[in-house]
Protein backbone atom coordinates (compact mmCIF):
# COMPACT_ATOMS: atom_id res chain seq x y z
CA MET A 1 -37.40 -17.96 -23.44
CA GLN A 2 -33.62 -20.03 -23.31
CA GLN A 3 -32.38 -17.25 -25.94
CA GLN A 4 -33.75 -14.29 -23.67
CA ILE A 5 -31.87 -16.17 -20.41
CA LYS A 6 -28.63 -16.59 -22.40
CA LEU A 7 -28.70 -12.74 -23.41
CA ALA A 8 -29.52 -11.95 -19.71
CA ILE A 9 -26.49 -13.76 -18.80
CA ALA A 10 -24.30 -12.34 -21.23
CA THR A 11 -25.07 -8.92 -20.29
CA GLY A 12 -24.57 -9.88 -16.80
CA LEU A 13 -20.98 -10.86 -18.05
CA LEU A 14 -20.22 -7.25 -19.43
CA TRP A 15 -21.52 -5.92 -16.17
CA LEU A 16 -18.86 -7.67 -14.35
CA VAL A 17 -16.30 -6.43 -17.01
CA LEU A 18 -16.01 -2.97 -14.95
CA LEU A 19 -16.23 -4.34 -11.22
CA LEU A 20 -12.92 -3.37 -10.74
CA PRO A 21 -11.62 -2.34 -7.30
CA THR A 22 -11.49 1.39 -7.12
CA PRO A 23 -9.43 2.97 -4.27
CA ALA A 24 -11.74 5.04 -2.27
CA TYR A 25 -9.21 7.90 -1.06
CA SER A 26 -9.17 11.40 0.19
CA GLN A 27 -11.52 14.33 -0.68
CA ILE A 28 -10.80 15.65 -3.91
CA LYS A 29 -9.36 19.26 -4.58
CA THR A 30 -9.52 21.82 -7.51
CA ALA A 31 -7.04 23.95 -8.78
CA GLU A 32 -6.93 26.37 -11.61
CA GLU A 33 -3.37 25.88 -12.62
CA PRO A 34 -2.86 22.92 -15.29
CA ALA A 35 -1.73 19.74 -14.19
CA ARG A 36 1.99 18.98 -14.07
CA GLU A 37 2.88 15.57 -15.67
CA LEU A 38 5.36 13.65 -13.20
CA SER A 39 7.01 10.24 -13.51
CA LEU A 40 7.42 8.07 -10.73
CA GLY A 41 10.70 9.36 -9.78
CA GLU A 42 9.38 12.53 -9.63
CA CYS A 43 6.54 11.99 -7.21
CA LEU A 44 9.35 10.19 -5.14
CA ALA A 45 11.31 13.10 -4.97
CA ILE A 46 8.80 15.43 -3.97
CA ALA A 47 7.27 13.36 -1.24
CA VAL A 48 10.64 12.82 0.55
CA GLU A 49 10.96 16.64 0.40
CA ARG A 50 7.40 17.36 1.33
CA GLN A 51 5.75 14.46 3.31
CA PRO A 52 4.76 15.87 6.94
CA SER A 53 5.04 12.63 8.42
CA LEU A 54 8.77 12.06 7.07
CA LYS A 55 8.78 16.17 8.29
CA ALA A 56 8.09 15.22 11.96
CA ALA A 57 10.31 12.38 12.14
CA TRP A 58 13.66 14.45 11.32
CA ALA A 59 12.38 16.99 13.72
CA SER A 60 11.71 13.92 16.54
CA ARG A 61 15.35 13.00 15.53
CA ASP A 62 16.56 16.84 16.00
CA ALA A 63 15.36 17.13 19.01
CA ALA A 64 16.66 13.73 20.47
CA VAL A 65 20.33 15.01 19.31
CA ILE A 66 19.78 18.35 21.07
CA GLY A 67 18.82 16.25 24.32
CA ARG A 68 21.80 14.07 24.39
CA GLN A 69 23.98 17.08 23.71
CA ALA A 70 22.29 18.55 26.69
CA LEU A 71 23.55 15.72 28.88
CA TYR A 72 26.98 15.70 27.76
CA ASN A 73 27.15 19.39 28.35
CA ILE A 74 26.69 18.65 32.00
CA GLY A 75 30.02 19.01 33.98
CA PRO A 76 31.60 17.31 36.91
CA VAL A 77 29.27 18.84 39.34
CA GLY A 78 26.17 17.33 37.70
CA SER A 79 28.22 13.81 37.86
CA VAL A 80 28.34 14.14 41.64
CA LEU A 81 24.60 15.57 41.90
CA SER A 82 23.05 12.72 39.63
CA PRO A 83 25.00 9.73 39.97
CA ASP A 84 23.03 7.77 36.86
CA LEU A 85 24.18 10.35 34.70
CA ARG A 86 26.65 8.57 32.57
CA VAL A 87 23.96 5.84 32.53
CA ARG A 88 21.30 8.70 30.80
CA LYS A 89 24.24 9.31 28.22
CA SER A 90 24.49 5.88 27.10
CA GLN A 91 20.58 5.48 27.01
CA ALA A 92 20.67 8.76 25.33
CA ASP A 93 22.97 7.13 22.76
CA ARG A 94 20.33 4.59 22.23
CA GLY A 95 17.89 7.17 21.68
CA ILE A 96 19.68 8.73 18.68
CA SER A 97 19.66 5.08 17.08
CA ALA A 98 15.95 4.62 17.36
CA ALA A 99 15.48 8.07 15.87
CA ASP A 100 17.45 7.53 12.79
CA ALA A 101 15.63 4.10 12.52
CA ASP A 102 12.29 5.87 13.08
CA VAL A 103 13.24 8.22 10.21
CA GLN A 104 14.43 5.28 8.09
CA LYS A 105 10.81 3.90 8.55
CA ALA A 106 8.83 7.09 7.70
CA CYS A 107 10.99 6.96 4.67
CA ASN A 108 10.29 3.55 3.90
CA GLU A 109 6.68 4.14 4.15
CA VAL A 110 6.45 7.27 2.00
CA VAL A 111 8.30 5.36 -1.11
CA HIS A 112 5.84 2.22 -0.71
CA ASP A 113 2.79 4.68 -0.35
CA VAL A 114 3.58 6.74 -3.12
CA THR A 115 4.73 3.74 -5.58
CA ARG A 116 1.37 2.01 -4.41
CA LEU A 117 -0.78 5.17 -5.16
CA TYR A 118 0.98 6.01 -8.47
CA TYR A 119 0.35 3.27 -10.06
CA SER A 120 -3.55 3.08 -8.35
CA VAL A 121 -3.57 6.28 -10.60
CA VAL A 122 -2.49 4.59 -13.66
CA TYR A 123 -4.52 1.41 -13.08
CA ALA A 124 -7.78 3.58 -12.78
CA LYS A 125 -6.64 5.07 -15.61
CA VAL A 126 -6.59 2.00 -17.36
CA GLN A 127 -9.99 0.93 -15.85
CA GLU A 128 -11.45 4.07 -17.15
CA ARG A 129 -10.05 3.78 -21.17
CA HIS A 130 -11.26 -0.04 -20.84
CA ALA A 131 -14.74 1.01 -19.95
CA ASP A 132 -14.82 3.80 -22.39
CA ASP A 133 -13.74 0.58 -25.23
CA VAL A 134 -16.57 -1.43 -23.95
CA VAL A 135 -18.93 1.50 -24.25
CA ALA A 136 -18.05 1.98 -27.34
CA GLN A 137 -18.43 -1.77 -28.82
CA LEU A 138 -21.50 -1.74 -26.99
CA GLU A 139 -22.71 1.15 -28.79
CA ALA A 140 -22.16 -0.31 -31.91
CA PHE A 141 -23.42 -3.30 -31.30
CA ALA A 142 -26.98 -1.67 -30.10
CA GLY A 143 -26.69 0.35 -33.60
CA ILE A 144 -26.27 -2.81 -35.60
CA SER A 145 -29.31 -4.61 -33.52
CA LYS A 146 -31.48 -1.57 -34.02
CA GLU A 147 -30.50 -1.80 -38.02
CA LEU A 148 -31.62 -5.48 -37.88
CA LEU A 149 -35.19 -5.07 -35.79
CA ASP A 150 -36.09 -2.13 -38.13
CA SER A 151 -35.55 -4.36 -41.22
CA ALA A 152 -37.66 -6.27 -43.05
CA THR A 153 -35.22 -9.44 -42.20
CA PRO A 154 -34.65 -9.31 -38.57
CA GLY A 155 -33.59 -12.91 -38.08
CA GLU A 156 -33.44 -13.60 -34.04
CA MET A 157 -33.62 -9.96 -32.99
CA THR A 158 -36.36 -8.94 -31.01
CA PRO A 159 -37.72 -5.72 -29.23
CA LEU A 160 -36.70 -7.77 -26.14
CA LYS A 161 -33.23 -8.90 -26.87
CA TYR A 162 -32.49 -4.91 -28.11
CA ASP A 163 -34.07 -3.51 -24.92
CA LEU A 164 -31.67 -5.75 -22.74
CA MET A 165 -28.93 -4.75 -25.08
CA LEU A 166 -29.47 -1.02 -23.96
CA LEU A 167 -30.04 -1.94 -20.42
CA ALA A 168 -26.55 -3.29 -20.54
CA LEU A 169 -25.52 -0.29 -22.34
CA ALA A 170 -26.84 1.78 -19.55
CA LYS A 171 -25.18 -0.28 -16.83
CA VAL A 172 -21.66 -0.14 -18.25
CA ARG A 173 -22.08 3.73 -18.91
CA LEU A 174 -22.90 4.10 -15.09
CA LEU A 175 -19.88 1.99 -13.90
CA ARG A 176 -17.59 3.67 -16.66
CA GLY A 177 -18.62 6.85 -14.60
CA LYS A 178 -17.56 5.69 -11.26
CA ALA A 179 -14.21 4.43 -12.94
CA GLN A 180 -13.86 7.86 -13.84
CA THR A 181 -14.38 9.20 -10.20
CA GLY A 182 -12.05 6.23 -8.93
CA ALA A 183 -9.49 7.81 -11.00
CA LYS A 184 -10.12 11.34 -9.34
CA LYS A 185 -10.01 10.08 -5.91
CA ALA A 186 -6.54 8.26 -6.51
CA GLU A 187 -4.80 11.17 -7.91
CA ALA A 188 -5.91 13.03 -4.41
CA ALA A 189 -4.79 10.39 -2.59
CA LEU A 190 -1.43 10.26 -4.11
CA ARG A 191 -1.29 14.20 -3.68
CA GLU A 192 -1.76 13.51 -0.14
CA ALA A 193 1.11 11.03 -0.14
CA MET A 194 3.47 13.59 -2.00
CA GLY A 195 2.64 16.21 0.54
CA VAL A 196 0.93 18.66 -2.09
CA SER A 197 -2.95 18.17 -0.83
CA ASP A 198 -3.78 21.56 -0.29
CA GLY A 199 -4.90 21.44 -4.14
CA ALA A 200 -2.22 24.42 -4.92
CA THR A 201 -0.60 22.01 -7.17
CA MET A 202 -2.76 19.66 -9.46
CA ILE A 203 -0.36 16.39 -10.86
CA ARG A 204 -0.82 14.02 -13.47
CA VAL A 205 0.83 10.58 -14.27
CA MET A 206 2.87 10.25 -16.85
CA ASP A 207 2.78 6.29 -17.54
CA ARG A 208 -0.35 5.69 -19.27
CA GLU A 209 -0.06 1.72 -18.86
CA LEU A 210 0.99 -0.35 -15.87
CA PRO A 211 4.31 -2.00 -16.15
CA VAL A 212 4.18 -5.82 -16.55
CA MET A 213 6.80 -6.58 -14.06
CA ASP A 214 8.88 -10.06 -14.72
CA PRO A 215 6.53 -12.86 -12.89
CA LYS A 216 9.81 -14.56 -11.59
CA VAL A 217 10.53 -14.95 -8.15
CA VAL A 218 14.10 -15.71 -8.15
CA LEU A 219 14.09 -14.81 -3.86
CA THR A 220 13.42 -17.81 -1.64
CA LYS A 221 11.48 -17.11 1.38
CA GLU A 222 14.70 -17.63 3.71
CA GLN A 223 16.14 -15.02 1.72
CA VAL A 224 13.16 -12.60 2.16
CA VAL A 225 12.90 -13.17 5.74
CA GLU A 226 17.06 -12.75 6.34
CA MET A 227 16.51 -8.87 4.53
CA ALA A 228 13.66 -8.35 6.63
CA LEU A 229 15.44 -9.37 9.56
CA SER A 230 18.52 -7.18 8.78
CA ARG A 231 17.71 -4.13 7.55
CA ARG A 232 14.14 -3.26 8.87
CA PRO A 233 14.43 -0.49 11.31
CA GLU A 234 11.54 -1.83 13.42
CA MET A 235 14.17 -4.12 14.38
CA THR A 236 16.49 -1.35 15.02
CA LEU A 237 13.89 0.71 17.19
CA ALA A 238 12.93 -2.53 19.29
CA GLN A 239 16.24 -3.18 19.86
CA ALA A 240 17.41 0.14 21.02
CA GLY A 241 14.35 0.03 23.11
CA ALA A 242 15.41 -3.28 24.52
CA ASP A 243 18.96 -1.50 25.38
CA VAL A 244 17.66 1.35 27.03
CA PHE A 245 15.28 -0.65 29.74
CA ARG A 246 18.07 -2.66 30.52
CA LEU A 247 20.12 0.32 30.95
CA GLU A 248 17.31 1.58 33.54
CA VAL A 249 17.84 -0.84 35.52
CA CYS A 250 21.77 0.17 36.02
CA ALA A 251 20.53 3.74 36.61
CA GLN A 252 17.92 2.91 39.12
CA ASP A 253 20.52 0.69 40.99
CA ARG A 254 23.26 4.07 41.01
CA VAL A 255 20.62 6.21 43.02
CA ARG A 256 21.02 4.80 46.44
CA PHE A 257 19.24 7.44 48.80
CA ARG A 258 16.43 8.74 46.93
CA ARG A 259 12.89 7.22 47.57
CA LYS A 260 11.45 8.89 44.28
CA VAL A 261 13.65 8.57 40.99
CA PRO A 262 12.73 9.71 37.25
CA THR A 263 13.00 7.19 34.25
CA PHE A 264 13.95 7.50 31.06
CA ALA A 265 10.31 7.92 30.07
CA ALA A 266 9.88 11.15 31.56
CA GLY A 267 11.44 12.75 28.71
CA SER A 268 10.34 10.37 25.90
CA ASP A 269 7.45 8.55 24.67
CA ILE A 270 8.06 4.85 25.06
CA HIS A 271 4.92 3.90 23.13
CA ALA A 272 6.18 5.02 19.80
CA ARG A 273 4.39 2.93 16.90
CA MET A 274 6.86 0.28 15.45
CA PHE A 275 3.88 -1.48 13.78
CA PRO A 276 0.30 -1.30 13.04
CA SER A 277 -2.63 -2.26 15.40
CA GLY A 278 -3.31 -5.91 14.92
CA SER A 279 -6.48 -7.61 13.45
CA ARG A 280 -8.31 -10.81 13.60
CA ASP A 281 -11.11 -10.25 11.19
CA PRO A 282 -12.36 -13.68 9.67
CA ASN A 283 -12.61 -12.29 6.40
CA GLY A 284 -8.87 -10.38 6.08
CA ASP A 285 -5.39 -11.50 7.01
CA TYR A 286 -4.75 -12.54 10.48
CA ARG A 287 -2.65 -9.76 12.02
CA PRO A 288 -1.59 -10.26 15.51
CA GLU A 289 -1.12 -7.47 18.06
CA PRO A 290 2.53 -6.33 19.01
CA ILE A 291 3.65 -5.79 22.39
CA GLN A 292 3.76 -2.51 23.73
CA PRO A 293 6.80 -1.10 26.52
CA GLU A 294 5.72 -0.12 29.81
CA MET A 295 7.77 2.22 32.10
CA PRO A 296 6.44 4.82 34.08
CA SER A 297 7.98 8.30 34.50
CA LEU A 298 8.90 7.86 38.27
CA VAL A 299 9.52 4.98 40.33
CA VAL A 300 9.06 4.95 44.27
CA GLY A 301 10.54 2.93 46.81
CA ARG A 302 13.89 2.06 48.32
CA ARG A 303 16.63 1.01 45.73
CA SER A 304 15.96 -2.82 45.72
CA GLU A 305 12.25 -1.96 45.16
CA ARG A 306 13.24 0.18 42.40
CA VAL A 307 15.50 -1.86 40.56
CA ALA A 308 13.32 -4.73 41.22
CA ARG A 309 10.53 -3.18 39.41
CA VAL A 310 12.16 -1.93 35.99
CA ARG A 311 13.92 -5.27 35.67
CA ALA A 312 10.37 -6.54 35.41
CA LEU A 313 9.69 -3.78 32.92
CA SER A 314 12.92 -4.40 31.35
CA GLN A 315 12.01 -8.15 30.77
CA ARG A 316 8.67 -7.24 29.12
CA ALA A 317 10.67 -5.26 26.65
CA ASP A 318 12.62 -8.23 25.77
CA SER A 319 9.19 -9.77 25.08
CA VAL A 320 8.78 -6.43 22.75
CA LEU A 321 11.74 -7.36 20.90
CA GLU A 322 11.20 -10.96 20.62
CA LYS A 323 7.27 -10.07 19.57
CA ALA A 324 8.54 -7.66 16.77
CA ARG A 325 11.00 -10.39 15.48
CA ASN A 326 8.08 -12.65 14.94
CA LEU A 327 6.06 -10.06 13.53
CA ILE A 328 8.46 -9.06 10.82
CA VAL A 329 9.34 -12.93 9.97
CA LEU A 330 5.58 -13.30 9.66
CA GLU A 331 5.16 -10.19 7.28
CA ALA A 332 7.98 -11.47 5.23
CA GLU A 333 6.72 -14.76 4.85
CA THR A 334 3.05 -14.01 3.84
CA THR A 335 4.41 -11.37 1.74
CA PHE A 336 6.68 -13.76 0.01
CA PHE A 337 3.78 -15.93 -0.51
CA ASP A 338 1.69 -13.16 -2.32
CA VAL A 339 4.44 -12.27 -4.65
CA GLU A 340 4.75 -16.12 -5.26
CA ASP A 341 1.22 -16.38 -5.95
CA GLY A 342 0.57 -13.32 -7.95
CA ALA A 343 3.17 -14.32 -10.17
CA LYS A 344 1.58 -17.52 -10.77
CA ASN A 345 -1.59 -15.83 -11.39
CA LEU A 346 -0.07 -13.02 -13.95
CA SER A 347 1.48 -15.92 -16.01
CA LEU A 348 -1.85 -17.52 -16.19
CA ARG A 349 -3.58 -14.00 -16.96
CA LYS A 350 -1.00 -13.64 -20.09
CA GLU A 351 -2.09 -16.87 -21.70
CA ALA A 352 -5.47 -16.00 -21.71
CA LEU A 353 -5.22 -12.49 -22.98
CA ASP A 354 -4.29 -12.93 -26.67
CA ALA A 355 -7.17 -15.71 -27.21
CA SER A 356 -9.51 -12.89 -25.86
CA ARG A 357 -8.30 -10.02 -28.15
CA ASP A 358 -8.62 -12.70 -30.96
CA LEU A 359 -11.91 -13.52 -29.61
CA MET A 360 -13.02 -9.84 -29.92
CA LYS A 361 -12.06 -9.65 -33.50
CA ARG A 362 -14.26 -12.48 -34.47
CA VAL A 363 -17.04 -11.28 -32.48
CA ARG A 364 -16.82 -7.93 -33.91
CA ALA A 365 -16.77 -9.63 -37.29
CA GLY A 366 -19.89 -11.73 -36.76
CA PHE A 367 -21.83 -9.02 -35.19
CA GLU A 368 -22.29 -7.66 -39.05
CA ASN A 369 -23.28 -10.92 -40.38
CA PRO A 370 -27.55 -11.33 -39.90
CA LYS A 371 -27.49 -14.71 -39.64
CA ALA A 372 -25.35 -15.22 -36.59
CA SER A 373 -26.58 -15.60 -33.20
CA LYS A 374 -26.35 -12.43 -31.57
CA ASP A 375 -26.92 -14.21 -28.17
CA GLN A 376 -23.71 -16.16 -28.65
CA LEU A 377 -21.83 -13.36 -30.03
CA LEU A 378 -22.80 -11.19 -27.25
CA GLN A 379 -21.61 -13.80 -24.85
CA ALA A 380 -18.32 -14.35 -25.97
CA TYR A 381 -18.08 -10.59 -26.36
CA GLY A 382 -18.58 -10.61 -22.35
CA GLN A 383 -16.44 -13.60 -21.92
CA ALA A 384 -13.41 -11.67 -23.55
CA ALA A 385 -13.72 -8.46 -22.31
CA GLU A 386 -14.13 -10.03 -18.58
CA VAL A 387 -10.75 -12.09 -19.31
CA GLN A 388 -8.89 -8.54 -20.07
CA ALA A 389 -10.36 -7.16 -17.09
CA GLU A 390 -8.88 -9.94 -14.96
CA TYR A 391 -5.71 -9.33 -16.51
CA HIS A 392 -5.19 -5.75 -15.84
CA ILE A 393 -6.41 -6.57 -12.18
CA ALA A 394 -3.43 -9.21 -12.31
CA VAL A 395 -0.92 -6.53 -13.34
CA PHE A 396 -1.99 -4.24 -10.72
CA GLU A 397 -2.32 -6.92 -7.67
CA TYR A 398 1.29 -8.17 -8.92
CA LEU A 399 2.47 -4.58 -8.87
CA LEU A 400 1.25 -4.15 -4.93
CA ASP A 401 2.72 -7.14 -4.02
CA LEU A 402 6.25 -6.41 -5.19
CA THR A 403 5.96 -3.24 -3.88
CA ALA A 404 4.82 -4.77 -0.50
CA LEU A 405 8.13 -6.60 -0.89
CA GLU A 406 10.34 -3.86 -1.59
CA ARG A 407 8.96 -2.41 2.06
CA VAL A 408 9.14 -5.54 3.98
CA THR A 409 12.71 -5.75 3.18
CA ALA A 410 13.67 -2.11 3.79
CA GLY A 411 14.91 -1.99 0.01
CA GLY A 412 16.60 -5.30 0.16
CA VAL A 413 14.79 -5.92 -2.83
CA ARG A 414 14.81 -2.70 -5.09
CA LEU A 415 12.12 -2.70 -7.83
CA GLU A 416 12.95 -0.97 -11.53
CA PHE A 417 9.68 0.58 -12.09
CA PRO A 418 10.09 2.87 -15.34
CA HIS A 419 11.30 6.39 -14.79
CA ARG A 420 11.66 5.78 -11.14
CA SER A 421 14.93 7.78 -11.07
CA PRO A 422 14.34 11.20 -12.20
CA GLU A 423 15.76 12.23 -15.53
CA LYS A 424 18.62 14.88 -15.18
């Protein structure tokens, strides 16, 4: 009974080998044409050209430019009829700055998403190959065990142990099928991020292995925070918004004899998303809610009343700017800690990787020895395979941490991934 328990534990370890995170992504679409093999740089180039979210950001910027030009085309008579025109032109100038920042933000997100999903595909492929290796080895072990069971000297091999081994093999085959599906889902998600998710263009990633980046954190937390604050387009968006709100106070003050005066919000969306919505999930990371600006499209009342109202909302916009800064600092610090922790984890996994490979070789040699304890060998193989799986996870998670660091610093930290720049 004790030997059966050991064997059950060993098979349980083998099942854990393939319990790797497989991303659940968008629906898979097929196409008849053969898949194109693309590098990371080529995927990024296609995404920058075709991603709809980036096209939308450019279209919004073009609209802002046209709107500003329309204000500047108003002649002297319009200035007399609209005493706030000069202020509206200044607001339009800030709008261009905000539109430029929004384009940069969209571009940063596209680069981050494509890079993350590209290596998600590579990781899924590595996972699938690892599953193939485990299945092949278990099939070989099962064959040897069957020969022992059918021989005149089966040793410690019993029908119960053999059945447990077949059960472990069936479980691993099932997980291999899930790994194959995970790879297809990751490819579908990458196509969407590249803007080619209609199924007309199938792609295949060039890299077959995850790049092992240098796990040395040479930056300090303060440097990461400084780069984030000085480079993030979200700060530009928040600052431009605060300036526009302050100018609205001046605009309302210039209009003396009207009881109903439109604000800048009548012609723009002041609730443009700068940060994702917050989350206080006890099982996830803490992410506080951003503050949204407020401005009605029309303010009514006497001039002093209108000015007082928009001044109060301008003070709220100052709080929006302060909150944006705090969120950027928080994200920069947490990302730095993730990278630091990921580097340590990867270093530790590397130390165990070579030992696990040597252990697998000894297990394969020992399994052919009829006198060897198959329970212990199978348990040792499960532990070695689990170590290798954990190493792949560590490499993948560290890549994701570095990719997040590049986005958080808005390119202040630029990662030299293999084939990132398309070959000429």
